[in-house]
């Protein structure tokens, strides 16, 4: 499959200090959805703006459809990059009807009525043409923003934190709807988010960005099962770092140069397992659907684990050796 977006040796600095983004190589295959996941300050918004042409790189090359849109000699303006944008706050025109919002970016040479009708049907808003943004719910406004971005048939669609302003139940519904829409149109999409659950629900592949650098790239299963460090592992669930003292409590001798962790949900309580220790429950707190337990193991170390029942007294706690996470790189959050 051919790459629609290709990035090489990309760097962006706003001052003479360290670059806020340094991407050696990144590509996005045609028809696929790539999520860029990162915490605040990771550089994900800057990367998105560089691709869209809203920022100028310090150095490096960005190509769309094998055509260079940015390097040291070329800079194609945003409106000529064939990129559609869905902004975090939707950026709808409050004084325009839904129809006019969607039609705004369409060429007069197109059959505007037919195209607006087509994309509104796609997002489930046919019949809403004469309503204004303030007359729509948050989910409907997001779908209008998506329809407007899709209407000109862009080569690349960029979605900037599209679910961050929605409540939890609506977010679940909209994630499924957006995924279906993107796949039904076979649009190539770059999805920027701080929420790994959004990325898992939408993306074919995930890039984890931290301090302006790509820390790991792969599908959700790869990142979950084979995280390269504690930071990647902790994106999916709470992870406890296991130092030498803790490891030996569970009968494990660490290898030199290796770093270890265990997901709190992988602890087993009062069950047979390959790595086990006795522990005293300090606290068992209900967290809605499960309990978070604070316990003390024989060496005096305190750790947390998750269980489905409230725990108390002395228990046997452990894990299966295959669930132990092993890292060459100890990088933390």
C-alpha atoms as a PDB file:
ATOM      1  CA  UNK A   1       0.000   0.000   0.000  1.00  0.00           C
ATOM      2  CA  UNK A   2       1.377   3.396  -1.001  1.00  0.00           C
ATOM      3  CA  UNK A   3       2.105   6.058   1.586  1.00  0.00           C
ATOM      4  CA  UNK A   4      -0.046   9.166   1.269  1.00  0.00           C
ATOM      5  CA  UNK A   5       1.882  11.151   3.872  1.00  0.00           C
ATOM      6  CA  UNK A   6       5.662  10.943   4.261  1.00  0.00           C
ATOM      7  CA  UNK A   7       7.756  12.835   6.814  1.00  0.00           C
ATOM      8  CA  UNK A   8      11.562  12.801   6.942  1.00  0.00           C
ATOM      9  CA  UNK A   9      14.006  14.531   9.321  1.00  0.00           C
ATOM     10  CA  UNK A  10      11.320  16.958  10.466  1.00  0.00           C
ATOM     11  CA  UNK A  11      12.213  19.443  13.178  1.00  0.00           C
ATOM     12  CA  UNK A  12      10.531  22.493  14.651  1.00  0.00           C
ATOM     13  CA  UNK A  13      12.037  24.994  17.088  1.00  0.00           C
ATOM     14  CA  UNK A  14      10.328  28.157  18.312  1.00  0.00           C
ATOM     15  CA  UNK A  15      13.438  29.508  20.044  1.00  0.00           C
ATOM     16  CA  UNK A  16      17.141  28.709  20.097  1.00  0.00           C
ATOM     17  CA  UNK A  17      16.453  26.002  22.686  1.00  0.00           C
ATOM     18  CA  UNK A  18      15.647  22.348  22.099  1.00  0.00           C
ATOM     19  CA  UNK A  19      13.243  21.512  19.236  1.00  0.00           C
ATOM     20  CA  UNK A  20       9.643  20.903  20.281  1.00  0.00           C
ATOM     21  CA  UNK A  21       9.288  18.275  17.536  1.00  0.00           C
ATOM     22  CA  UNK A  22      11.923  15.970  16.061  1.00  0.00           C
ATOM     23  CA  UNK A  23      10.573  13.261  13.743  1.00  0.00           C
ATOM     24  CA  UNK A  24      13.158  11.233  11.843  1.00  0.00           C
ATOM     25  CA  UNK A  25      10.653   9.253   9.799  1.00  0.00           C
ATOM     26  CA  UNK A  26       6.890   8.825   9.717  1.00  0.00           C
ATOM     27  CA  UNK A  27       4.501   7.669   7.025  1.00  0.00           C
ATOM     28  CA  UNK A  28       0.755   7.204   6.734  1.00  0.00           C
ATOM     29  CA  UNK A  29      -0.612   4.647   4.313  1.00  0.00           C
ATOM     30  CA  UNK A  30      -3.464   5.563   1.988  1.00  0.00           C
ATOM     31  CA  UNK A  31      -6.853   4.595   3.389  1.00  0.00           C
ATOM     32  CA  UNK A  32      -5.584   4.024   6.935  1.00  0.00           C
ATOM     33  CA  UNK A  33      -6.140   5.880  10.201  1.00  0.00           C
ATOM     34  CA  UNK A  34      -3.111   6.879  12.264  1.00  0.00           C
ATOM     35  CA  UNK A  35      -3.474   8.147  15.831  1.00  0.00           C
ATOM     36  CA  UNK A  36      -0.841  10.409  17.348  1.00  0.00           C
ATOM     37  CA  UNK A  37      -1.100   9.992  21.124  1.00  0.00           C
ATOM     38  CA  UNK A  38       0.649  12.233  23.615  1.00  0.00           C
ATOM     39  CA  UNK A  39       0.237  14.144  26.823  1.00  0.00           C
ATOM     40  CA  UNK A  40       0.049  17.927  26.966  1.00  0.00           C
ATOM     41  CA  UNK A  41       3.348  19.374  25.729  1.00  0.00           C
ATOM     42  CA  UNK A  42       4.338  16.231  23.828  1.00  0.00           C
ATOM     43  CA  UNK A  43       4.440  18.063  20.485  1.00  0.00           C
ATOM     44  CA  UNK A  44       1.405  16.418  18.910  1.00  0.00           C
ATOM     45  CA  UNK A  45      -0.389  19.688  18.156  1.00  0.00           C
ATOM     46  CA  UNK A  46       2.774  21.182  16.645  1.00  0.00           C
ATOM     47  CA  UNK A  47       3.203  18.098  14.464  1.00  0.00           C
ATOM     48  CA  UNK A  48      -0.400  18.383  13.294  1.00  0.00           C
ATOM     49  CA  UNK A  49       0.065  22.072  12.464  1.00  0.00           C
ATOM     50  CA  UNK A  50       3.280  21.351  10.530  1.00  0.00           C
ATOM     51  CA  UNK A  51       1.503  18.752   8.408  1.00  0.00           C
ATOM     52  CA  UNK A  52      -1.449  21.086   7.792  1.00  0.00           C
ATOM     53  CA  UNK A  53       0.843  23.968   6.834  1.00  0.00           C
ATOM     54  CA  UNK A  54      -0.149  26.126   9.803  1.00  0.00           C
ATOM     55  CA  UNK A  55       3.483  26.129  10.983  1.00  0.00           C
ATOM     56  CA  UNK A  56       6.746  26.223   9.033  1.00  0.00           C
ATOM     57  CA  UNK A  57       9.336  23.549   9.898  1.00  0.00           C
ATOM     58  CA  UNK A  58      12.837  24.510  10.996  1.00  0.00           C
ATOM     59  CA  UNK A  59      14.042  21.725   8.733  1.00  0.00           C
ATOM     60  CA  UNK A  60      12.855  18.496   7.133  1.00  0.00           C
ATOM     61  CA  UNK A  61      10.511  17.292   4.424  1.00  0.00           C
ATOM     62  CA  UNK A  62       6.763  16.690   4.324  1.00  0.00           C
ATOM     63  CA  UNK A  63       5.244  15.086   1.227  1.00  0.00           C
ATOM     64  CA  UNK A  64       1.615  14.332   0.380  1.00  0.00           C
ATOM     65  CA  UNK A  65       0.949  11.959  -2.483  1.00  0.00           C
ATOM     66  CA  UNK A  66       4.672  12.009  -3.319  1.00  0.00           C
ATOM     67  CA  UNK A  67       4.497  15.785  -3.848  1.00  0.00           C
ATOM     68  CA  UNK A  68       6.640  17.855  -1.487  1.00  0.00           C
ATOM     69  CA  UNK A  69       4.574  20.390   0.421  1.00  0.00           C
ATOM     70  CA  UNK A  70       7.346  21.541   2.751  1.00  0.00           C
ATOM     71  CA  UNK A  71      11.152  21.484   2.720  1.00  0.00           C
ATOM     72  CA  UNK A  72      13.970  24.057   2.684  1.00  0.00           C
ATOM     73  CA  UNK A  73      12.955  25.209  -0.811  1.00  0.00           C
ATOM     74  CA  UNK A  74       9.209  24.614  -0.950  1.00  0.00           C
ATOM     75  CA  UNK A  75       6.245  25.601   1.175  1.00  0.00           C
ATOM     76  CA  UNK A  76       2.720  24.879  -0.061  1.00  0.00           C
ATOM     77  CA  UNK A  77       0.066  26.962   1.683  1.00  0.00           C
ATOM     78  CA  UNK A  78      -2.563  25.171   3.821  1.00  0.00           C
ATOM     79  CA  UNK A  79      -5.427  25.730   1.375  1.00  0.00           C
ATOM     80  CA  UNK A  80      -3.460  23.996  -1.385  1.00  0.00           C
ATOM     81  CA  UNK A  81      -2.482  20.864   0.539  1.00  0.00           C
ATOM     82  CA  UNK A  82      -5.840  19.081   0.078  1.00  0.00           C
ATOM     83  CA  UNK A  83      -6.141  18.564   3.822  1.00  0.00           C
ATOM     84  CA  UNK A  84      -9.417  18.631   5.735  1.00  0.00           C
ATOM     85  CA  UNK A  85      -9.430  19.676   9.396  1.00  0.00           C
ATOM     86  CA  UNK A  86     -11.793  18.807  12.236  1.00  0.00           C
ATOM     87  CA  UNK A  87     -10.852  21.119  15.087  1.00  0.00           C
ATOM     88  CA  UNK A  88     -11.186  20.435  18.796  1.00  0.00           C
ATOM     89  CA  UNK A  89     -13.821  23.163  19.230  1.00  0.00           C
ATOM     90  CA  UNK A  90     -15.403  22.301  15.822  1.00  0.00           C
ATOM     91  CA  UNK A  91     -14.860  25.924  14.570  1.00  0.00           C
ATOM     92  CA  UNK A  92     -18.313  26.136  13.018  1.00  0.00           C
ATOM     93  CA  UNK A  93     -19.538  29.522  11.797  1.00  0.00           C
ATOM     94  CA  UNK A  94     -22.261  30.494  14.298  1.00  0.00           C
ATOM     95  CA  UNK A  95     -24.011  32.856  11.856  1.00  0.00           C
ATOM     96  CA  UNK A  96     -24.292  30.267   9.073  1.00  0.00           C
ATOM     97  CA  UNK A  97     -26.791  27.443   8.749  1.00  0.00           C
ATOM     98  CA  UNK A  98     -25.638  23.856   8.764  1.00  0.00           C
ATOM     99  CA  UNK A  99     -25.971  23.796   4.961  1.00  0.00           C
ATOM    100  CA  UNK A 100     -23.806  26.885   4.522  1.00  0.00           C
ATOM    101  CA  UNK A 101     -21.219  25.616   7.010  1.00  0.00           C
ATOM    102  CA  UNK A 102     -20.787  22.411   5.029  1.00  0.00           C
ATOM    103  CA  UNK A 103     -20.853  24.176   1.649  1.00  0.00           C
ATOM    104  CA  UNK A 104     -18.319  26.813   2.723  1.00  0.00           C
ATOM    105  CA  UNK A 105     -15.206  25.116   1.350  1.00  0.00           C
ATOM    106  CA  UNK A 106     -16.715  23.717  -1.833  1.00  0.00           C
ATOM    107  CA  UNK A 107     -15.756  24.940  -5.276  1.00  0.00           C
ATOM    108  CA  UNK A 108     -18.409  26.673  -7.361  1.00  0.00           C
ATOM    109  CA  UNK A 109     -17.595  24.243 -10.127  1.00  0.00           C
ATOM    110  CA  UNK A 110     -19.000  21.411  -8.019  1.00  0.00           C
ATOM    111  CA  UNK A 111     -22.640  20.453  -7.662  1.00  0.00           C
ATOM    112  CA  UNK A 112     -22.802  21.970  -4.187  1.00  0.00           C
ATOM    113  CA  UNK A 113     -26.363  20.882  -3.391  1.00  0.00           C
ATOM    114  CA  UNK A 114     -25.614  17.276  -4.275  1.00  0.00           C
ATOM    115  CA  UNK A 115     -22.357  17.181  -2.319  1.00  0.00           C
ATOM    116  CA  UNK A 116     -23.828  18.790   0.800  1.00  0.00           C
ATOM    117  CA  UNK A 117     -26.744  16.380   0.674  1.00  0.00           C
ATOM    118  CA  UNK A 118     -24.357  13.440   0.260  1.00  0.00           C
ATOM    119  CA  UNK A 119     -22.138  14.239   3.252  1.00  0.00           C
ATOM    120  CA  UNK A 120     -25.064  15.180   5.508  1.00  0.00           C
ATOM    121  CA  UNK A 121     -26.626  11.825   4.768  1.00  0.00           C
ATOM    122  CA  UNK A 122     -23.260  10.205   5.516  1.00  0.00           C
ATOM    123  CA  UNK A 123     -23.144  11.760   9.006  1.00  0.00           C
ATOM    124  CA  UNK A 124     -26.850  11.251   9.692  1.00  0.00           C
ATOM    125  CA  UNK A 125     -27.924  14.906   9.602  1.00  0.00           C
ATOM    126  CA  UNK A 126     -30.112  15.093   6.511  1.00  0.00           C
ATOM    127  CA  UNK A 127     -33.080  17.344   7.224  1.00  0.00           C
ATOM    128  CA  UNK A 128     -31.021  19.639   9.478  1.00  0.00           C
ATOM    129  CA  UNK A 129     -29.806  21.924   6.674  1.00  0.00           C
ATOM    130  CA  UNK A 130     -31.447  25.129   7.933  1.00  0.00           C
ATOM    131  CA  UNK A 131     -30.475  24.801  11.586  1.00  0.00           C
ATOM    132  CA  UNK A 132     -27.717  26.878  13.155  1.00  0.00           C
ATOM    133  CA  UNK A 133     -24.845  25.445  15.255  1.00  0.00           C
ATOM    134  CA  UNK A 134     -26.360  26.653  18.554  1.00  0.00           C
ATOM    135  CA  UNK A 135     -29.481  24.597  17.760  1.00  0.00           C
ATOM    136  CA  UNK A 136     -27.443  21.376  17.652  1.00  0.00           C
ATOM    137  CA  UNK A 137     -26.105  19.124  20.399  1.00  0.00           C
ATOM    138  CA  UNK A 138     -22.367  18.710  20.909  1.00  0.00           C
ATOM    139  CA  UNK A 139     -22.391  15.389  19.073  1.00  0.00           C
ATOM    140  CA  UNK A 140     -24.323  16.876  16.162  1.00  0.00           C
ATOM    141  CA  UNK A 141     -21.909  19.806  15.954  1.00  0.00           C
ATOM    142  CA  UNK A 142     -19.022  17.379  15.753  1.00  0.00           C
ATOM    143  CA  UNK A 143     -20.709  15.547  12.898  1.00  0.00           C
ATOM    144  CA  UNK A 144     -21.260  18.855  11.081  1.00  0.00           C
ATOM    145  CA  UNK A 145     -17.537  19.616  11.475  1.00  0.00           C
ATOM    146  CA  UNK A 146     -16.725  16.179  10.078  1.00  0.00           C
ATOM    147  CA  UNK A 147     -19.121  16.655   7.152  1.00  0.00           C
ATOM    148  CA  UNK A 148     -17.603  20.062   6.345  1.00  0.00           C
ATOM    149  CA  UNK A 149     -14.081  18.581   6.373  1.00  0.00           C
ATOM    150  CA  UNK A 150     -15.104  15.639   4.165  1.00  0.00           C
ATOM    151  CA  UNK A 151     -17.137  17.673   1.667  1.00  0.00           C
ATOM    152  CA  UNK A 152     -14.184  18.839  -0.521  1.00  0.00           C
ATOM    153  CA  UNK A 153     -12.919  15.210  -0.644  1.00  0.00           C
ATOM    154  CA  UNK A 154      -9.510  15.914   0.911  1.00  0.00           C
ATOM    155  CA  UNK A 155      -6.517  13.666   0.371  1.00  0.00           C
ATOM    156  CA  UNK A 156      -5.878  13.719   4.124  1.00  0.00           C
ATOM    157  CA  UNK A 157      -8.226  14.365   7.038  1.00  0.00           C
ATOM    158  CA  UNK A 158      -6.806  15.627  10.352  1.00  0.00           C
ATOM    159  CA  UNK A 159      -8.889  15.337  13.516  1.00  0.00           C
ATOM    160  CA  UNK A 160      -7.686  17.354  16.510  1.00  0.00           C
ATOM    161  CA  UNK A 161      -8.942  15.919  19.840  1.00  0.00           C
ATOM    162  CA  UNK A 162     -12.445  15.484  18.351  1.00  0.00           C
ATOM    163  CA  UNK A 163     -13.951  13.828  21.453  1.00  0.00           C
ATOM    164  CA  UNK A 164     -12.445  15.939  24.228  1.00  0.00           C
ATOM    165  CA  UNK A 165     -15.539  18.150  24.644  1.00  0.00           C
ATOM    166  CA  UNK A 166     -18.013  15.267  24.889  1.00  0.00           C
ATOM    167  CA  UNK A 167     -19.307  13.455  27.954  1.00  0.00           C
ATOM    168  CA  UNK A 168     -18.370   9.792  28.427  1.00  0.00           C
ATOM    169  CA  UNK A 169     -21.525   8.162  27.035  1.00  0.00           C
ATOM    170  CA  UNK A 170     -21.683  10.407  23.968  1.00  0.00           C
ATOM    171  CA  UNK A 171     -17.963   9.879  23.364  1.00  0.00           C
ATOM    172  CA  UNK A 172     -18.462   6.109  23.076  1.00  0.00           C
ATOM    173  CA  UNK A 173     -21.267   6.570  20.567  1.00  0.00           C
ATOM    174  CA  UNK A 174     -19.430   9.159  18.485  1.00  0.00           C
ATOM    175  CA  UNK A 175     -16.198   7.145  18.365  1.00  0.00           C
ATOM    176  CA  UNK A 176     -18.053   4.279  16.728  1.00  0.00           C
ATOM    177  CA  UNK A 177     -19.845   6.610  14.330  1.00  0.00           C
ATOM    178  CA  UNK A 178     -16.669   8.429  13.306  1.00  0.00           C
ATOM    179  CA  UNK A 179     -14.844   5.138  12.752  1.00  0.00           C
ATOM    180  CA  UNK A 180     -17.661   3.883  10.511  1.00  0.00           C
ATOM    181  CA  UNK A 181     -17.746   7.137   8.534  1.00  0.00           C
ATOM    182  CA  UNK A 182     -13.993   7.223   7.980  1.00  0.00           C
ATOM    183  CA  UNK A 183     -13.887   3.600   6.876  1.00  0.00           C
ATOM    184  CA  UNK A 184     -16.938   3.896   4.612  1.00  0.00           C
ATOM    185  CA  UNK A 185     -15.354   6.841   2.784  1.00  0.00           C
ATOM    186  CA  UNK A 186     -11.905   5.176   2.731  1.00  0.00           C
ATOM    187  CA  UNK A 187     -10.418   8.527   3.738  1.00  0.00           C
ATOM    188  CA  UNK A 188      -6.839   8.689   5.002  1.00  0.00           C
ATOM    189  CA  UNK A 189      -6.905  10.206   8.474  1.00  0.00           C
ATOM    190  CA  UNK A 190      -4.506  11.502  11.110  1.00  0.00           C
ATOM    191  CA  UNK A 191      -6.106  11.542  14.529  1.00  0.00           C
ATOM    192  CA  UNK A 192      -4.510  13.584  17.338  1.00  0.00           C
ATOM    193  CA  UNK A 193      -5.473  12.733  20.919  1.00  0.00           C
ATOM    194  CA  UNK A 194      -4.258  12.480  24.512  1.00  0.00           C
ATOM    195  CA  UNK A 195      -6.639   9.570  25.180  1.00  0.00           C
ATOM    196  CA  UNK A 196      -5.321   6.083  24.361  1.00  0.00           C
ATOM    197  CA  UNK A 197      -8.880   4.696  24.445  1.00  0.00           C
ATOM    198  CA  UNK A 198      -9.892   7.037  21.631  1.00  0.00           C
ATOM    199  CA  UNK A 199      -6.868   5.899  19.640  1.00  0.00           C
ATOM    200  CA  UNK A 200      -7.651   2.207  20.184  1.00  0.00           C
ATOM    201  CA  UNK A 201     -11.264   2.722  19.077  1.00  0.00           C
ATOM    202  CA  UNK A 202     -10.428   4.641  15.904  1.00  0.00           C
ATOM    203  CA  UNK A 203      -6.911   3.961  14.637  1.00  0.00           C
ATOM    204  CA  UNK A 204      -5.301   1.216  12.580  1.00  0.00           C
ATOM    205  CA  UNK A 205      -1.923   2.235  13.969  1.00  0.00           C
ATOM    206  CA  UNK A 206      -0.777   4.372  16.889  1.00  0.00           C
ATOM    207  CA  UNK A 207       2.230   6.657  17.278  1.00  0.00           C
ATOM    208  CA  UNK A 208       3.161   7.596  20.846  1.00  0.00           C
ATOM    209  CA  UNK A 209       4.785  11.019  21.021  1.00  0.00           C
ATOM    210  CA  UNK A 210       6.682  12.295  24.063  1.00  0.00           C
ATOM    211  CA  UNK A 211       8.962  15.324  24.328  1.00  0.00           C
ATOM    212  CA  UNK A 212       8.608  15.792  20.580  1.00  0.00           C
ATOM    213  CA  UNK A 213       9.951  12.320  19.724  1.00  0.00           C
ATOM    214  CA  UNK A 214       8.248   9.127  18.600  1.00  0.00           C
ATOM    215  CA  UNK A 215       8.656   6.643  21.448  1.00  0.00           C
ATOM    216  CA  UNK A 216       6.911   3.705  19.808  1.00  0.00           C
ATOM    217  CA  UNK A 217       4.719   2.968  16.819  1.00  0.00           C
ATOM    218  CA  UNK A 218       2.464   0.003  16.122  1.00  0.00           C
ATOM    219  CA  UNK A 219      -1.073  -1.277  16.430  1.00  0.00           C
ATOM    220  CA  UNK A 220      -2.807  -1.258  19.812  1.00  0.00           C
ATOM    221  CA  UNK A 221      -2.110  -4.933  20.501  1.00  0.00           C
ATOM    222  CA  UNK A 222       1.617  -4.525  19.877  1.00  0.00           C
ATOM    223  CA  UNK A 223       1.879  -1.481  22.118  1.00  0.00           C
ATOM    224  CA  UNK A 224      -0.044  -3.243  24.886  1.00  0.00           C
ATOM    225  CA  UNK A 225       1.734  -6.594  24.760  1.00  0.00           C
ATOM    226  CA  UNK A 226       5.233  -5.367  23.932  1.00  0.00           C
ATOM    227  CA  UNK A 227       5.659  -1.825  25.307  1.00  0.00           C
ATOM    228  CA  UNK A 228       9.199  -0.525  24.992  1.00  0.00           C
ATOM    229  CA  UNK A 229       9.179   1.236  28.363  1.00  0.00           C
ATOM    230  CA  UNK A 230       7.086   2.003  31.427  1.00  0.00           C
ATOM    231  CA  UNK A 231       5.654   5.134  29.832  1.00  0.00           C
ATOM    232  CA  UNK A 232       4.129   3.193  26.931  1.00  0.00           C
ATOM    233  CA  UNK A 233       2.830   0.480  29.254  1.00  0.00           C
ATOM    234  CA  UNK A 234       1.219   2.998  31.606  1.00  0.00           C
ATOM    235  CA  UNK A 235      -0.847   4.526  28.789  1.00  0.00           C
ATOM    236  CA  UNK A 236      -3.092   1.462  28.824  1.00  0.00           C
ATOM    237  CA  UNK A 237      -3.394   0.777  32.551  1.00  0.00           C
ATOM    238  CA  UNK A 238      -1.751   1.390  35.919  1.00  0.00           C
ATOM    239  CA  UNK A 239       1.691  -0.244  35.992  1.00  0.00           C
ATOM    240  CA  UNK A 240       3.803  -0.915  39.075  1.00  0.00           C
ATOM    241  CA  UNK A 241       7.553  -0.692  38.645  1.00  0.00           C
ATOM    242  CA  UNK A 242       9.300  -3.672  40.194  1.00  0.00           C
ATOM    243  CA  UNK A 243      12.761  -2.901  41.565  1.00  0.00           C
ATOM    244  CA  UNK A 244      15.225  -5.571  42.690  1.00  0.00           C
ATOM    245  CA  UNK A 245      13.831  -5.749  46.234  1.00  0.00           C
ATOM    246  CA  UNK A 246      10.265  -6.201  45.016  1.00  0.00           C
ATOM    247  CA  UNK A 247      11.285  -8.778  42.412  1.00  0.00           C
ATOM    248  CA  UNK A 248      13.101 -10.904  44.965  1.00  0.00           C
ATOM    249  CA  UNK A 249       9.986 -10.858  47.161  1.00  0.00           C
ATOM    250  CA  UNK A 250       8.265 -12.699  44.321  1.00  0.00           C
ATOM    251  CA  UNK A 251      11.167 -15.121  43.812  1.00  0.00           C
ATOM    252  CA  UNK A 252      12.633 -13.425  40.745  1.00  0.00           C
ATOM    253  CA  UNK A 253      16.300 -12.582  40.233  1.00  0.00           C
ATOM    254  CA  UNK A 254      16.539  -9.602  37.861  1.00  0.00           C
ATOM    255  CA  UNK A 255      18.855  -9.646  34.864  1.00  0.00           C
ATOM    256  CA  UNK A 256      21.504  -6.961  34.683  1.00  0.00           C
ATOM    257  CA  UNK A 257      20.448  -3.982  32.568  1.00  0.00           C
ATOM    258  CA  UNK A 258      16.774  -5.008  32.522  1.00  0.00           C
ATOM    259  CA  UNK A 259      13.853  -3.097  34.009  1.00  0.00           C
ATOM    260  CA  UNK A 260      10.575  -4.637  35.125  1.00  0.00           C
ATOM    261  CA  UNK A 261       6.946  -3.801  35.743  1.00  0.00           C
ATOM    262  CA  UNK A 262       3.583  -5.469  36.258  1.00  0.00           C
ATOM    263  CA  UNK A 263       0.126  -4.200  35.461  1.00  0.00           C
ATOM    264  CA  UNK A 264      -1.941  -3.837  38.619  1.00  0.00           C
ATOM    265  CA  UNK A 265      -4.736  -5.782  36.942  1.00  0.00           C
ATOM    266  CA  UNK A 266      -2.390  -8.764  36.359  1.00  0.00           C
ATOM    267  CA  UNK A 267      -1.896  -9.480  40.064  1.00  0.00           C
ATOM    268  CA  UNK A 268      -3.593 -12.661  41.277  1.00  0.00           C
ATOM    269  CA  UNK A 269      -4.884 -12.950  44.847  1.00  0.00           C
ATOM    270  CA  UNK A 270      -5.025 -16.326  46.643  1.00  0.00           C
ATOM    271  CA  UNK A 271      -4.496 -18.185  43.388  1.00  0.00           C
ATOM    272  CA  UNK A 272      -1.759 -20.520  42.249  1.00  0.00           C
ATOM    273  CA  UNK A 273       0.793 -18.626  40.173  1.00  0.00           C
ATOM    274  CA  UNK A 274       4.468 -18.823  39.290  1.00  0.00           C
ATOM    275  CA  UNK A 275       5.551 -15.712  41.241  1.00  0.00           C
ATOM    276  CA  UNK A 276       4.009 -15.349  44.695  1.00  0.00           C
ATOM    277  CA  UNK A 277       4.456 -13.507  47.992  1.00  0.00           C
ATOM    278  CA  UNK A 278       2.483 -13.110  51.201  1.00  0.00           C
ATOM    279  CA  UNK A 279       1.056  -9.661  51.867  1.00  0.00           C
ATOM    280  CA  UNK A 280      -0.971  -7.744  54.431  1.00  0.00           C
ATOM    281  CA  UNK A 281      -3.883  -5.680  53.169  1.00  0.00           C
ATOM    282  CA  UNK A 282      -3.594  -2.079  54.347  1.00  0.00           C
ATOM    283  CA  UNK A 283      -6.628  -0.741  52.510  1.00  0.00           C
ATOM    284  CA  UNK A 284      -9.218  -1.997  50.032  1.00  0.00           C
ATOM    285  CA  UNK A 285     -11.081   0.857  48.289  1.00  0.00           C
ATOM    286  CA  UNK A 286     -14.066   0.430  45.977  1.00  0.00           C
ATOM    287  CA  UNK A 287     -13.506   2.173  42.624  1.00  0.00           C
ATOM    288  CA  UNK A 288     -16.652   1.224  40.718  1.00  0.00           C
ATOM    289  CA  UNK A 289     -16.510  -2.268  39.218  1.00  0.00           C
ATOM    290  CA  UNK A 290     -13.347  -3.197  41.119  1.00  0.00           C
ATOM    291  CA  UNK A 291     -11.327  -2.581  44.269  1.00  0.00           C
ATOM    292  CA  UNK A 292      -7.906  -0.947  44.471  1.00  0.00           C
ATOM    293  CA  UNK A 293      -5.930  -2.599  47.239  1.00  0.00           C
ATOM    294  CA  UNK A 294      -2.951  -1.182  49.082  1.00  0.00           C
ATOM    295  CA  UNK A 295      -0.853  -3.964  50.589  1.00  0.00           C
ATOM    296  CA  UNK A 296       2.499  -4.519  52.263  1.00  0.00           C
ATOM    297  CA  UNK A 297       4.815  -7.365  51.276  1.00  0.00           C
ATOM    298  CA  UNK A 298       7.366  -8.925  53.692  1.00  0.00           C
ATOM    299  CA  UNK A 299      10.253  -6.572  52.836  1.00  0.00           C
ATOM    300  CA  UNK A 300       8.163  -3.625  53.919  1.00  0.00           C
ATOM    301  CA  UNK A 301       7.403  -2.432  50.385  1.00  0.00           C
ATOM    302  CA  UNK A 302       3.907  -1.102  49.767  1.00  0.00           C
ATOM    303  CA  UNK A 303       2.204  -1.723  46.419  1.00  0.00           C
ATOM    304  CA  UNK A 304      -1.228  -1.650  44.821  1.00  0.00           C
ATOM    305  CA  UNK A 305      -3.248  -4.280  43.032  1.00  0.00           C
ATOM    306  CA  UNK A 306      -6.744  -4.531  41.590  1.00  0.00           C
ATOM    307  CA  UNK A 307      -9.298  -7.157  42.605  1.00  0.00           C
ATOM    308  CA  UNK A 308     -12.977  -7.832  42.003  1.00  0.00           C
ATOM    309  CA  UNK A 309     -13.700  -8.389  45.706  1.00  0.00           C
ATOM    310  CA  UNK A 310     -12.906  -6.396  48.838  1.00  0.00           C
ATOM    311  CA  UNK A 311      -9.784  -7.797  50.524  1.00  0.00           C
ATOM    312  CA  UNK A 312      -8.598  -7.816  54.110  1.00  0.00           C
ATOM    313  CA  UNK A 313      -6.079  -9.468  56.424  1.00  0.00           C
ATOM    314  CA  UNK A 314      -3.219 -11.547  55.036  1.00  0.00           C
ATOM    315  CA  UNK A 315      -3.360 -12.803  51.439  1.00  0.00           C
ATOM    316  CA  UNK A 316      -1.163 -14.538  48.906  1.00  0.00           C
ATOM    317  CA  UNK A 317      -0.472 -12.200  46.004  1.00  0.00           C
ATOM    318  CA  UNK A 318       1.406 -12.912  42.805  1.00  0.00           C
ATOM    319  CA  UNK A 319       1.379 -13.084  39.032  1.00  0.00           C
ATOM    320  CA  UNK A 320       2.216 -15.406  36.187  1.00  0.00           C
ATOM    321  CA  UNK A 321       5.752 -14.965  34.902  1.00  0.00           C
ATOM    322  CA  UNK A 322       4.528 -14.346  31.343  1.00  0.00           C
ATOM    323  CA  UNK A 323       2.668 -11.202  32.462  1.00  0.00           C
ATOM    324  CA  UNK A 324       5.878  -9.635  33.805  1.00  0.00           C
ATOM    325  CA  UNK A 325       6.839  -6.655  31.637  1.00  0.00           C
ATOM    326  CA  UNK A 326      10.535  -6.422  30.776  1.00  0.00           C
ATOM    327  CA  UNK A 327      12.160  -3.303  29.343  1.00  0.00           C
ATOM    328  CA  UNK A 328      15.567  -2.372  27.996  1.00  0.00           C
ATOM    329  CA  UNK A 329      14.614   1.285  28.437  1.00  0.00           C
ATOM    330  CA  UNK A 330      13.240   2.302  31.850  1.00  0.00           C
ATOM    331  CA  UNK A 331      11.760   5.618  30.708  1.00  0.00           C
ATOM    332  CA  UNK A 332       9.037   6.784  33.075  1.00  0.00           C
ATOM    333  CA  UNK A 333       6.087   9.100  32.656  1.00  0.00           C
END
